[in-house]
Amino acid sequence: MTTPAEIVRMEQDVVYVLKTIFDPEIPVNIYDLGLIYEIEVEPDGVATIRMTLTAANCPMADQLVEDVEREVGKVKGVSEVSVILTFDPAWDKSMMSDEALLELGLF
């Protein structure tokens, strides 16, 4: 059985991995860009990622979801990845981290 401490570690590892995945059109990782709304890792190792895109008609949507599934699936202890794509609430620049705003010269 996975302990609460191990779940916290896995969630931290998932965040680390998400920070290595970049939106193809914006030179910022999807975590700091604010595209990740929720990360939940269950004791059985199922990681659920609720995320959005910068635009509903993003041509790279499938690729980004595949990247998240593949990379999060490599995290030690993760047995399965479920990505839930949502547009509620809609993404806007206020969701970006300070690091992302600085990177894009918007801060």
PDB file of N, CA and C in Angstrom:
ATOM      1  N   MET A   1       0.840  -1.186   0.000  1.00  0.00           N
ATOM      2  CA  MET A   1       0.000   0.000   0.000  1.00  0.00           C
ATOM      3  C   MET A   1       0.885   1.249   0.000  1.00  0.00           C
ATOM      4  N   THR A   2       0.482   2.222  -0.770  1.00  0.00           N
ATOM      5  CA  THR A   2       1.222   3.471  -0.877  1.00  0.00           C
ATOM      6  C   THR A   2       0.899   4.363   0.324  1.00  0.00           C
ATOM      7  N   THR A   3       1.944   4.893   0.942  1.00  0.00           N
ATOM      8  CA  THR A   3       1.756   5.756   2.109  1.00  0.00           C
ATOM      9  C   THR A   3       1.423   7.184   1.655  1.00  0.00           C
ATOM     10  N   PRO A   4       0.834   7.993   2.539  1.00  0.00           N
ATOM     11  CA  PRO A   4       0.579   9.404   2.198  1.00  0.00           C
ATOM     12  C   PRO A   4       1.857  10.143   1.797  1.00  0.00           C
ATOM     13  N   ALA A   5       2.959   9.834   2.451  1.00  0.00           N
ATOM     14  CA  ALA A   5       4.229  10.486   2.115  1.00  0.00           C
ATOM     15  C   ALA A   5       4.674  10.111   0.694  1.00  0.00           C
ATOM     16  N   GLU A   6       4.456   8.864   0.311  1.00  0.00           N
ATOM     17  CA  GLU A   6       4.817   8.435  -1.046  1.00  0.00           C
ATOM     18  C   GLU A   6       3.922   9.114  -2.087  1.00  0.00           C
ATOM     19  N   ILE A   7       2.655   9.310  -1.748  1.00  0.00           N
ATOM     20  CA  ILE A   7       1.746  10.002  -2.671  1.00  0.00           C
ATOM     21  C   ILE A   7       2.194  11.444  -2.861  1.00  0.00           C
ATOM     22  N   VAL A   8       2.572  12.106  -1.782  1.00  0.00           N
ATOM     23  CA  VAL A   8       3.069  13.485  -1.866  1.00  0.00           C
ATOM     24  C   VAL A   8       4.323  13.532  -2.744  1.00  0.00           C
ATOM     25  N   ARG A   9       5.231  12.577  -2.551  1.00  0.00           N
ATOM     26  CA  ARG A   9       6.443  12.533  -3.375  1.00  0.00           C
ATOM     27  C   ARG A   9       6.105  12.343  -4.841  1.00  0.00           C
ATOM     28  N   MET A  10       5.165  11.435  -5.126  1.00  0.00           N
ATOM     29  CA  MET A  10       4.767  11.204  -6.525  1.00  0.00           C
ATOM     30  C   MET A  10       4.155  12.472  -7.123  1.00  0.00           C
ATOM     31  N   GLU A  11       3.320  13.167  -6.358  1.00  0.00           N
ATOM     32  CA  GLU A  11       2.719  14.403  -6.864  1.00  0.00           C
ATOM     33  C   GLU A  11       3.790  15.451  -7.136  1.00  0.00           C
ATOM     34  N   GLN A  12       4.796  15.542  -6.269  1.00  0.00           N
ATOM     35  CA  GLN A  12       5.907  16.474  -6.494  1.00  0.00           C
ATOM     36  C   GLN A  12       6.689  16.075  -7.748  1.00  0.00           C
ATOM     37  N   ASP A  13       6.891  14.768  -7.929  1.00  0.00           N
ATOM     38  CA  ASP A  13       7.592  14.288  -9.116  1.00  0.00           C
ATOM     39  C   ASP A  13       6.790  14.580 -10.385  1.00  0.00           C
ATOM     40  N   VAL A  14       5.467  14.473 -10.288  1.00  0.00           N
ATOM     41  CA  VAL A  14       4.612  14.785 -11.435  1.00  0.00           C
ATOM     42  C   VAL A  14       4.763  16.260 -11.800  1.00  0.00           C
ATOM     43  N   VAL A  15       4.763  17.143 -10.813  1.00  0.00           N
ATOM     44  CA  VAL A  15       4.961  18.578 -11.077  1.00  0.00           C
ATOM     45  C   VAL A  15       6.305  18.794 -11.768  1.00  0.00           C
ATOM     46  N   TYR A  16       7.350  18.144 -11.264  1.00  0.00           N
ATOM     47  CA  TYR A  16       8.678  18.279 -11.865  1.00  0.00           C
ATOM     48  C   TYR A  16       8.642  17.878 -13.346  1.00  0.00           C
ATOM     49  N   VAL A  17       7.999  16.762 -13.634  1.00  0.00           N
ATOM     50  CA  VAL A  17       7.912  16.276 -15.014  1.00  0.00           C
ATOM     51  C   VAL A  17       7.093  17.241 -15.875  1.00  0.00           C
ATOM     52  N   LEU A  18       5.984  17.747 -15.342  1.00  0.00           N
ATOM     53  CA  LEU A  18       5.155  18.675 -16.114  1.00  0.00           C
ATOM     54  C   LEU A  18       5.921  19.942 -16.464  1.00  0.00           C
ATOM     55  N   LYS A  19       6.877  20.319 -15.627  1.00  0.00           N
ATOM     56  CA  LYS A  19       7.695  21.505 -15.909  1.00  0.00           C
ATOM     57  C   LYS A  19       8.714  21.253 -17.017  1.00  0.00           C
ATOM     58  N   THR A  20       8.795  20.019 -17.518  1.00  0.00           N
ATOM     59  CA  THR A  20       9.692  19.712 -18.642  1.00  0.00           C
ATOM     60  C   THR A  20       8.941  19.647 -19.965  1.00  0.00           C
ATOM     61  N   ILE A  21       7.612  19.805 -19.918  1.00  0.00           N
ATOM     62  CA  ILE A  21       6.785  19.746 -21.120  1.00  0.00           C
ATOM     63  C   ILE A  21       6.415  21.175 -21.512  1.00  0.00           C
ATOM     64  N   PHE A  22       6.749  21.525 -22.741  1.00  0.00           N
ATOM     65  CA  PHE A  22       6.547  22.894 -23.198  1.00  0.00           C
ATOM     66  C   PHE A  22       5.445  22.995 -24.229  1.00  0.00           C
ATOM     67  N   ASP A  23       4.671  24.065 -24.138  1.00  0.00           N
ATOM     68  CA  ASP A  23       3.693  24.367 -25.172  1.00  0.00           C
ATOM     69  C   ASP A  23       4.497  24.651 -26.440  1.00  0.00           C
ATOM     70  N   PRO A  24       4.163  23.999 -27.563  1.00  0.00           N
ATOM     71  CA  PRO A  24       4.953  24.180 -28.790  1.00  0.00           C
ATOM     72  C   PRO A  24       4.935  25.604 -29.342  1.00  0.00           C
ATOM     73  N   GLU A  25       3.916  26.380 -28.977  1.00  0.00           N
ATOM     74  CA  GLU A  25       3.800  27.722 -29.541  1.00  0.00           C
ATOM     75  C   GLU A  25       4.274  28.815 -28.585  1.00  0.00           C
ATOM     76  N   ILE A  26       4.471  28.467 -27.311  1.00  0.00           N
ATOM     77  CA  ILE A  26       4.897  29.437 -26.307  1.00  0.00           C
ATOM     78  C   ILE A  26       6.087  28.827 -25.566  1.00  0.00           C
ATOM     79  N   PRO A  27       7.200  29.525 -25.463  1.00  0.00           N
ATOM     80  CA  PRO A  27       8.410  28.938 -24.863  1.00  0.00           C
ATOM     81  C   PRO A  27       8.370  28.865 -23.333  1.00  0.00           C
ATOM     82  N   VAL A  28       7.271  28.325 -22.794  1.00  0.00           N
ATOM     83  CA  VAL A  28       7.104  28.190 -21.350  1.00  0.00           C
ATOM     84  C   VAL A  28       6.511  26.814 -21.087  1.00  0.00           C
ATOM     85  N   ASN A  29       6.929  26.186 -19.988  1.00  0.00           N
ATOM     86  CA  ASN A  29       6.382  24.868 -19.671  1.00  0.00           C
ATOM     87  C   ASN A  29       4.910  24.963 -19.293  1.00  0.00           C
ATOM     88  N   ILE A  30       4.192  23.857 -19.485  1.00  0.00           N
ATOM     89  CA  ILE A  30       2.738  23.873 -19.306  1.00  0.00           C
ATOM     90  C   ILE A  30       2.318  24.094 -17.859  1.00  0.00           C
ATOM     91  N   TYR A  31       3.179  23.761 -16.906  1.00  0.00           N
ATOM     92  CA  TYR A  31       2.838  23.977 -15.497  1.00  0.00           C
ATOM     93  C   TYR A  31       2.871  25.466 -15.168  1.00  0.00           C
ATOM     94  N   ASP A  32       3.986  26.127 -15.496  1.00  0.00           N
ATOM     95  CA  ASP A  32       4.107  27.558 -15.213  1.00  0.00           C
ATOM     96  C   ASP A  32       3.178  28.399 -16.093  1.00  0.00           C
ATOM     97  N   LEU A  33       2.807  27.846 -17.237  1.00  0.00           N
ATOM     98  CA  LEU A  33       1.866  28.535 -18.115  1.00  0.00           C
ATOM     99  C   LEU A  33       0.458  28.552 -17.518  1.00  0.00           C
ATOM    100  N   GLY A  34       0.228  27.690 -16.530  1.00  0.00           N
ATOM    101  CA  GLY A  34      -1.073  27.655 -15.864  1.00  0.00           C
ATOM    102  C   GLY A  34      -2.066  26.717 -16.514  1.00  0.00           C
ATOM    103  N   LEU A  35      -1.563  25.792 -17.344  1.00  0.00           N
ATOM    104  CA  LEU A  35      -2.457  24.862 -18.030  1.00  0.00           C
ATOM    105  C   LEU A  35      -2.870  23.683 -17.155  1.00  0.00           C
ATOM    106  N   ILE A  36      -2.157  23.470 -16.055  1.00  0.00           N
ATOM    107  CA  ILE A  36      -2.474  22.358 -15.161  1.00  0.00           C
ATOM    108  C   ILE A  36      -3.367  22.868 -14.040  1.00  0.00           C
ATOM    109  N   TYR A  37      -4.582  22.358 -13.978  1.00  0.00           N
ATOM    110  CA  TYR A  37      -5.543  22.788 -12.965  1.00  0.00           C
ATOM    111  C   TYR A  37      -5.502  21.908 -11.728  1.00  0.00           C
ATOM    112  N   GLU A  38      -5.231  20.628 -11.897  1.00  0.00           N
ATOM    113  CA  GLU A  38      -5.273  19.718 -10.751  1.00  0.00           C
ATOM    114  C   GLU A  38      -4.416  18.491 -11.023  1.00  0.00           C
ATOM    115  N   ILE A  39      -3.732  18.034  -9.969  1.00  0.00           N
ATOM    116  CA  ILE A  39      -2.945  16.800 -10.002  1.00  0.00           C
ATOM    117  C   ILE A  39      -3.399  15.970  -8.815  1.00  0.00           C
ATOM    118  N   GLU A  40      -3.798  14.747  -9.087  1.00  0.00           N
ATOM    119  CA  GLU A  40      -4.194  13.856  -8.002  1.00  0.00           C
ATOM    120  C   GLU A  40      -3.599  12.479  -8.263  1.00  0.00           C
ATOM    121  N   VAL A  41      -2.902  11.963  -7.263  1.00  0.00           N
ATOM    122  CA  VAL A  41      -2.350  10.614  -7.361  1.00  0.00           C
ATOM    123  C   VAL A  41      -3.036   9.758  -6.307  1.00  0.00           C
ATOM    124  N   GLU A  42      -3.640   8.675  -6.745  1.00  0.00           N
ATOM    125  CA  GLU A  42      -4.345   7.750  -5.851  1.00  0.00           C
ATOM    126  C   GLU A  42      -3.363   6.736  -5.263  1.00  0.00           C
ATOM    127  N   PRO A  43      -3.727   6.110  -4.155  1.00  0.00           N
ATOM    128  CA  PRO A  43      -2.845   5.099  -3.553  1.00  0.00           C
ATOM    129  C   PRO A  43      -2.475   3.943  -4.494  1.00  0.00           C
ATOM    130  N   ASP A  44      -3.325   3.671  -5.490  1.00  0.00           N
ATOM    131  CA  ASP A  44      -3.013   2.597  -6.446  1.00  0.00           C
ATOM    132  C   ASP A  44      -2.104   3.063  -7.585  1.00  0.00           C
ATOM    133  N   GLY A  45      -1.670   4.332  -7.529  1.00  0.00           N
ATOM    134  CA  GLY A  45      -0.734   4.845  -8.527  1.00  0.00           C
ATOM    135  C   GLY A  45      -1.375   5.508  -9.731  1.00  0.00           C
ATOM    136  N   VAL A  46      -2.693   5.620  -9.752  1.00  0.00           N
ATOM    137  CA  VAL A  46      -3.361   6.293 -10.863  1.00  0.00           C
ATOM    138  C   VAL A  46      -3.218   7.807 -10.676  1.00  0.00           C
ATOM    139  N   ALA A  47      -2.612   8.441 -11.663  1.00  0.00           N
ATOM    140  CA  ALA A  47      -2.430   9.893 -11.640  1.00  0.00           C
ATOM    141  C   ALA A  47      -3.459  10.531 -12.555  1.00  0.00           C
ATOM    142  N   THR A  48      -4.248  11.441 -11.997  1.00  0.00           N
ATOM    143  CA  THR A  48      -5.234  12.170 -12.785  1.00  0.00           C
ATOM    144  C   THR A  48      -4.776  13.610 -12.905  1.00  0.00           C
ATOM    145  N   ILE A  49      -4.674  14.069 -14.132  1.00  0.00           N
ATOM    146  CA  ILE A  49      -4.231  15.428 -14.421  1.00  0.00           C
ATOM    147  C   ILE A  49      -5.395  16.142 -15.104  1.00  0.00           C
ATOM    148  N   ARG A  50      -5.896  17.192 -14.471  1.00  0.00           N
ATOM    149  CA  ARG A  50      -6.926  18.012 -15.097  1.00  0.00           C
ATOM    150  C   ARG A  50      -6.225  19.243 -15.644  1.00  0.00           C
ATOM    151  N   MET A  51      -6.348  19.437 -16.955  1.00  0.00           N
ATOM    152  CA  MET A  51      -5.615  20.509 -17.612  1.00  0.00           C
ATOM    153  C   MET A  51      -6.467  21.173 -18.685  1.00  0.00           C
ATOM    154  N   THR A  52      -5.959  22.296 -19.162  1.00  0.00           N
ATOM    155  CA  THR A  52      -6.616  23.033 -20.229  1.00  0.00           C
ATOM    156  C   THR A  52      -5.587  23.364 -21.296  1.00  0.00           C
ATOM    157  N   LEU A  53      -6.003  24.115 -22.273  1.00  0.00           N
ATOM    158  CA  LEU A  53      -5.132  24.597 -23.341  1.00  0.00           C
ATOM    159  C   LEU A  53      -5.284  26.114 -23.411  1.00  0.00           C
ATOM    160  N   THR A  54      -4.346  26.774 -24.055  1.00  0.00           N
ATOM    161  CA  THR A  54      -4.443  28.227 -24.168  1.00  0.00           C
ATOM    162  C   THR A  54      -5.611  28.634 -25.055  1.00  0.00           C
ATOM    163  N   ALA A  55      -6.036  27.735 -25.950  1.00  0.00           N
ATOM    164  CA  ALA A  55      -7.180  27.998 -26.821  1.00  0.00           C
ATOM    165  C   ALA A  55      -7.886  26.678 -27.109  1.00  0.00           C
ATOM    166  N   ALA A  56      -9.194  26.715 -27.181  1.00  0.00           N
ATOM    167  CA  ALA A  56      -9.970  25.493 -27.409  1.00  0.00           C
ATOM    168  C   ALA A  56      -9.647  24.840 -28.747  1.00  0.00           C
ATOM    169  N   ASN A  57      -9.236  25.630 -29.716  1.00  0.00           N
ATOM    170  CA  ASN A  57      -8.924  25.097 -31.040  1.00  0.00           C
ATOM    171  C   ASN A  57      -7.427  24.876 -31.241  1.00  0.00           C
ATOM    172  N   CYS A  58      -6.702  24.670 -30.163  1.00  0.00           N
ATOM    173  CA  CYS A  58      -5.257  24.476 -30.233  1.00  0.00           C
ATOM    174  C   CYS A  58      -4.916  23.288 -31.139  1.00  0.00           C
ATOM    175  N   PRO A  59      -4.128  23.515 -32.193  1.00  0.00           N
ATOM    176  CA  PRO A  59      -3.803  22.425 -33.109  1.00  0.00           C
ATOM    177  C   PRO A  59      -2.876  21.367 -32.482  1.00  0.00           C
ATOM    178  N   MET A  60      -2.255  21.699 -31.361  1.00  0.00           N
ATOM    179  CA  MET A  60      -1.320  20.777 -30.719  1.00  0.00           C
ATOM    180  C   MET A  60      -1.946  20.044 -29.532  1.00  0.00           C
ATOM    181  N   ALA A  61      -3.265  20.108 -29.384  1.00  0.00           N
ATOM    182  CA  ALA A  61      -3.944  19.517 -28.233  1.00  0.00           C
ATOM    183  C   ALA A  61      -3.600  18.042 -28.061  1.00  0.00           C
ATOM    184  N   ASP A  62      -3.749  17.267 -29.108  1.00  0.00           N
ATOM    185  CA  ASP A  62      -3.484  15.829 -29.007  1.00  0.00           C
ATOM    186  C   ASP A  62      -2.043  15.558 -28.603  1.00  0.00           C
ATOM    187  N   GLN A  63      -1.108  16.313 -29.172  1.00  0.00           N
ATOM    188  CA  GLN A  63       0.307  16.119 -28.866  1.00  0.00           C
ATOM    189  C   GLN A  63       0.602  16.441 -27.403  1.00  0.00           C
ATOM    190  N   LEU A  64       0.035  17.536 -26.903  1.00  0.00           N
ATOM    191  CA  LEU A  64       0.269  17.904 -25.501  1.00  0.00           C
ATOM    192  C   LEU A  64      -0.287  16.850 -24.549  1.00  0.00           C
ATOM    193  N   VAL A  65      -1.488  16.359 -24.817  1.00  0.00           N
ATOM    194  CA  VAL A  65      -2.080  15.319 -23.972  1.00  0.00           C
ATOM    195  C   VAL A  65      -1.216  14.060 -24.016  1.00  0.00           C
ATOM    196  N   GLU A  66      -0.760  13.669 -25.205  1.00  0.00           N
ATOM    197  CA  GLU A  66       0.119  12.496 -25.331  1.00  0.00           C
ATOM    198  C   GLU A  66       1.422  12.697 -24.564  1.00  0.00           C
ATOM    199  N   ASP A  67       1.996  13.896 -24.647  1.00  0.00           N
ATOM    200  CA  ASP A  67       3.231  14.187 -23.921  1.00  0.00           C
ATOM    201  C   ASP A  67       3.019  14.040 -22.415  1.00  0.00           C
ATOM    202  N   VAL A  68       1.903  14.583 -21.909  1.00  0.00           N
ATOM    203  CA  VAL A  68       1.607  14.488 -20.478  1.00  0.00           C
ATOM    204  C   VAL A  68       1.431  13.023 -20.078  1.00  0.00           C
ATOM    205  N   GLU A  69       0.652  12.278 -20.840  1.00  0.00           N
ATOM    206  CA  GLU A  69       0.433  10.859 -20.520  1.00  0.00           C
ATOM    207  C   GLU A  69       1.752  10.083 -20.510  1.00  0.00           C
ATOM    208  N   ARG A  70       2.570  10.294 -21.525  1.00  0.00           N
ATOM    209  CA  ARG A  70       3.836   9.565 -21.643  1.00  0.00           C
ATOM    210  C   ARG A  70       4.806   9.929 -20.513  1.00  0.00           C
ATOM    211  N   GLU A  71       5.012  11.219 -20.286  1.00  0.00           N
ATOM    212  CA  GLU A  71       6.024  11.645 -19.322  1.00  0.00           C
ATOM    213  C   GLU A  71       5.588  11.392 -17.877  1.00  0.00           C
ATOM    214  N   VAL A  72       4.338  11.663 -17.546  1.00  0.00           N
ATOM    215  CA  VAL A  72       3.859  11.399 -16.190  1.00  0.00           C
ATOM    216  C   VAL A  72       3.855   9.890 -15.936  1.00  0.00           C
ATOM    217  N   GLY A  73       3.605   9.111 -16.970  1.00  0.00           N
ATOM    218  CA  GLY A  73       3.637   7.653 -16.844  1.00  0.00           C
ATOM    219  C   GLY A  73       4.999   7.103 -16.467  1.00  0.00           C
ATOM    220  N   LYS A  74       6.041   7.893 -16.651  1.00  0.00           N
ATOM    221  CA  LYS A  74       7.408   7.475 -16.296  1.00  0.00           C
ATOM    222  C   LYS A  74       7.748   7.719 -14.831  1.00  0.00           C
ATOM    223  N   VAL A  75       6.891   8.457 -14.120  1.00  0.00           N
ATOM    224  CA  VAL A  75       7.160   8.774 -12.714  1.00  0.00           C
ATOM    225  C   VAL A  75       7.085   7.499 -11.888  1.00  0.00           C
ATOM    226  N   LYS A  76       8.082   7.309 -11.033  1.00  0.00           N
ATOM    227  CA  LYS A  76       8.135   6.121 -10.180  1.00  0.00           C
ATOM    228  C   LYS A  76       6.879   6.040  -9.313  1.00  0.00           C
ATOM    229  N   GLY A  77       6.207   4.900  -9.383  1.00  0.00           N
ATOM    230  CA  GLY A  77       5.011   4.675  -8.592  1.00  0.00           C
ATOM    231  C   GLY A  77       3.715   4.931  -9.335  1.00  0.00           C
ATOM    232  N   VAL A  78       3.788   5.663 -10.466  1.00  0.00           N
ATOM    233  CA  VAL A  78       2.586   5.927 -11.255  1.00  0.00           C
ATOM    234  C   VAL A  78       2.311   4.707 -12.127  1.00  0.00           C
ATOM    235  N   SER A  79       1.093   4.166 -11.967  1.00  0.00           N
ATOM    236  CA  SER A  79       0.729   2.963 -12.718  1.00  0.00           C
ATOM    237  C   SER A  79      -0.121   3.277 -13.951  1.00  0.00           C
ATOM    238  N   GLU A  80      -0.793   4.412 -13.919  1.00  0.00           N
ATOM    239  CA  GLU A  80      -1.692   4.800 -15.010  1.00  0.00           C
ATOM    240  C   GLU A  80      -1.869   6.306 -14.971  1.00  0.00           C
ATOM    241  N   VAL A  81      -2.086   6.908 -16.145  1.00  0.00           N
ATOM    242  CA  VAL A  81      -2.291   8.355 -16.222  1.00  0.00           C
ATOM    243  C   VAL A  81      -3.616   8.625 -16.913  1.00  0.00           C
ATOM    244  N   SER A  82      -4.406   9.466 -16.291  1.00  0.00           N
ATOM    245  CA  SER A  82      -5.670   9.894 -16.871  1.00  0.00           C
ATOM    246  C   SER A  82      -5.619  11.412 -17.025  1.00  0.00           C
ATOM    247  N   VAL A  83      -5.718  11.879 -18.260  1.00  0.00           N
ATOM    248  CA  VAL A  83      -5.711  13.319 -18.517  1.00  0.00           C
ATOM    249  C   VAL A  83      -7.136  13.752 -18.828  1.00  0.00           C
ATOM    250  N   ILE A  84      -7.607  14.713 -18.076  1.00  0.00           N
ATOM    251  CA  ILE A  84      -8.941  15.280 -18.298  1.00  0.00           C
ATOM    252  C   ILE A  84      -8.743  16.677 -18.869  1.00  0.00           C
ATOM    253  N   LEU A  85      -9.146  16.861 -20.101  1.00  0.00           N
ATOM    254  CA  LEU A  85      -9.023  18.153 -20.768  1.00  0.00           C
ATOM    255  C   LEU A  85     -10.305  18.945 -20.520  1.00  0.00           C
ATOM    256  N   THR A  86     -10.156  20.157 -20.013  1.00  0.00           N
ATOM    257  CA  THR A  86     -11.318  20.985 -19.694  1.00  0.00           C
ATOM    258  C   THR A  86     -11.084  22.414 -20.164  1.00  0.00           C
ATOM    259  N   PHE A  87     -12.167  23.111 -20.386  1.00  0.00           N
ATOM    260  CA  PHE A  87     -12.070  24.528 -20.749  1.00  0.00           C
ATOM    261  C   PHE A  87     -12.892  25.370 -19.777  1.00  0.00           C
ATOM    262  N   ASP A  88     -13.130  24.798 -18.592  1.00  0.00           N
ATOM    263  CA  ASP A  88     -13.877  25.486 -17.555  1.00  0.00           C
ATOM    264  C   ASP A  88     -13.087  25.422 -16.258  1.00  0.00           C
ATOM    265  N   PRO A  89     -12.479  26.495 -15.828  1.00  0.00           N
ATOM    266  CA  PRO A  89     -12.563  27.825 -16.431  1.00  0.00           C
ATOM    267  C   PRO A  89     -11.634  27.945 -17.642  1.00  0.00           C
ATOM    268  N   ALA A  90     -11.962  28.890 -18.496  1.00  0.00           N
ATOM    269  CA  ALA A  90     -11.116  29.147 -19.661  1.00  0.00           C
ATOM    270  C   ALA A  90      -9.778  29.707 -19.197  1.00  0.00           C
ATOM    271  N   TRP A  91      -8.713  29.320 -19.881  1.00  0.00           N
ATOM    272  CA  TRP A  91      -7.374  29.800 -19.538  1.00  0.00           C
ATOM    273  C   TRP A  91      -7.247  31.273 -19.908  1.00  0.00           C
ATOM    274  N   ASP A  92      -6.513  32.011 -19.071  1.00  0.00           N
ATOM    275  CA  ASP A  92      -6.104  33.370 -19.435  1.00  0.00           C
ATOM    276  C   ASP A  92      -4.753  33.655 -18.784  1.00  0.00           C
ATOM    277  N   LYS A  93      -4.149  34.759 -19.163  1.00  0.00           N
ATOM    278  CA  LYS A  93      -2.785  35.072 -18.717  1.00  0.00           C
ATOM    279  C   LYS A  93      -2.638  35.182 -17.203  1.00  0.00           C
ATOM    280  N   SER A  94      -3.730  35.445 -16.500  1.00  0.00           N
ATOM    281  CA  SER A  94      -3.627  35.575 -15.046  1.00  0.00           C
ATOM    282  C   SER A  94      -3.268  34.248 -14.379  1.00  0.00           C
ATOM    283  N   MET A  95      -3.370  33.146 -15.100  1.00  0.00           N
ATOM    284  CA  MET A  95      -3.057  31.824 -14.552  1.00  0.00           C
ATOM    285  C   MET A  95      -1.568  31.484 -14.634  1.00  0.00           C
ATOM    286  N   MET A  96      -0.813  32.328 -15.313  1.00  0.00           N
ATOM    287  CA  MET A  96       0.617  32.082 -15.480  1.00  0.00           C
ATOM    288  C   MET A  96       1.372  32.404 -14.195  1.00  0.00           C
ATOM    289  N   SER A  97       2.427  31.644 -13.945  1.00  0.00           N
ATOM    290  CA  SER A  97       3.274  31.920 -12.787  1.00  0.00           C
ATOM    291  C   SER A  97       4.104  33.170 -13.053  1.00  0.00           C
ATOM    292  N   ASP A  98       4.661  33.731 -11.981  1.00  0.00           N
ATOM    293  CA  ASP A  98       5.544  34.892 -12.143  1.00  0.00           C
ATOM    294  C   ASP A  98       6.718  34.557 -13.048  1.00  0.00           C
ATOM    295  N   GLU A  99       7.237  33.314 -12.934  1.00  0.00           N
ATOM    296  CA  GLU A  99       8.359  32.884 -13.770  1.00  0.00           C
ATOM    297  C   GLU A  99       7.982  32.930 -15.245  1.00  0.00           C
ATOM    298  N   ALA A 100       6.765  32.457 -15.560  1.00  0.00           N
ATOM    299  CA  ALA A 100       6.316  32.468 -16.943  1.00  0.00           C
ATOM    300  C   ALA A 100       6.142  33.898 -17.463  1.00  0.00           C
ATOM    301  N   LEU A 101       5.565  34.752 -16.627  1.00  0.00           N
ATOM    302  CA  LEU A 101       5.385  36.152 -17.015  1.00  0.00           C
ATOM    303  C   LEU A 101       6.733  36.815 -17.291  1.00  0.00           C
ATOM    304  N   LEU A 102       7.723  36.535 -16.439  1.00  0.00           N
ATOM    305  CA  LEU A 102       9.071  37.080 -16.648  1.00  0.00           C
ATOM    306  C   LEU A 102       9.680  36.541 -17.931  1.00  0.00           C
ATOM    307  N   GLU A 103       9.538  35.243 -18.150  1.00  0.00           N
ATOM    308  CA  GLU A 103      10.104  34.587 -19.335  1.00  0.00           C
ATOM    309  C   GLU A 103       9.555  35.221 -20.612  1.00  0.00           C
ATOM    310  N   LEU A 104       8.285  35.583 -20.585  1.00  0.00           N
ATOM    311  CA  LEU A 104       7.642  36.160 -21.774  1.00  0.00           C
ATOM    312  C   LEU A 104       7.693  37.684 -21.803  1.00  0.00           C
ATOM    313  N   GLY A 105       8.323  38.289 -20.784  1.00  0.00           N
ATOM    314  CA  GLY A 105       8.443  39.738 -20.735  1.00  0.00           C
ATOM    315  C   GLY A 105       7.125  40.448 -20.460  1.00  0.00           C
ATOM    316  N   LEU A 106       6.227  39.771 -19.729  1.00  0.00           N
ATOM    317  CA  LEU A 106       4.914  40.341 -19.440  1.00  0.00           C
ATOM    318  C   LEU A 106       4.786  40.843 -18.008  1.00  0.00           C
ATOM    319  N   PHE A 107       5.882  40.796 -17.263  1.00  0.00           N
ATOM    320  CA  PHE A 107       5.828  41.143 -15.845  1.00  0.00           C
ATOM    321  C   PHE A 107       6.552  42.427 -15.594  1.00  0.00           C
TER     322      PHE A 107
END
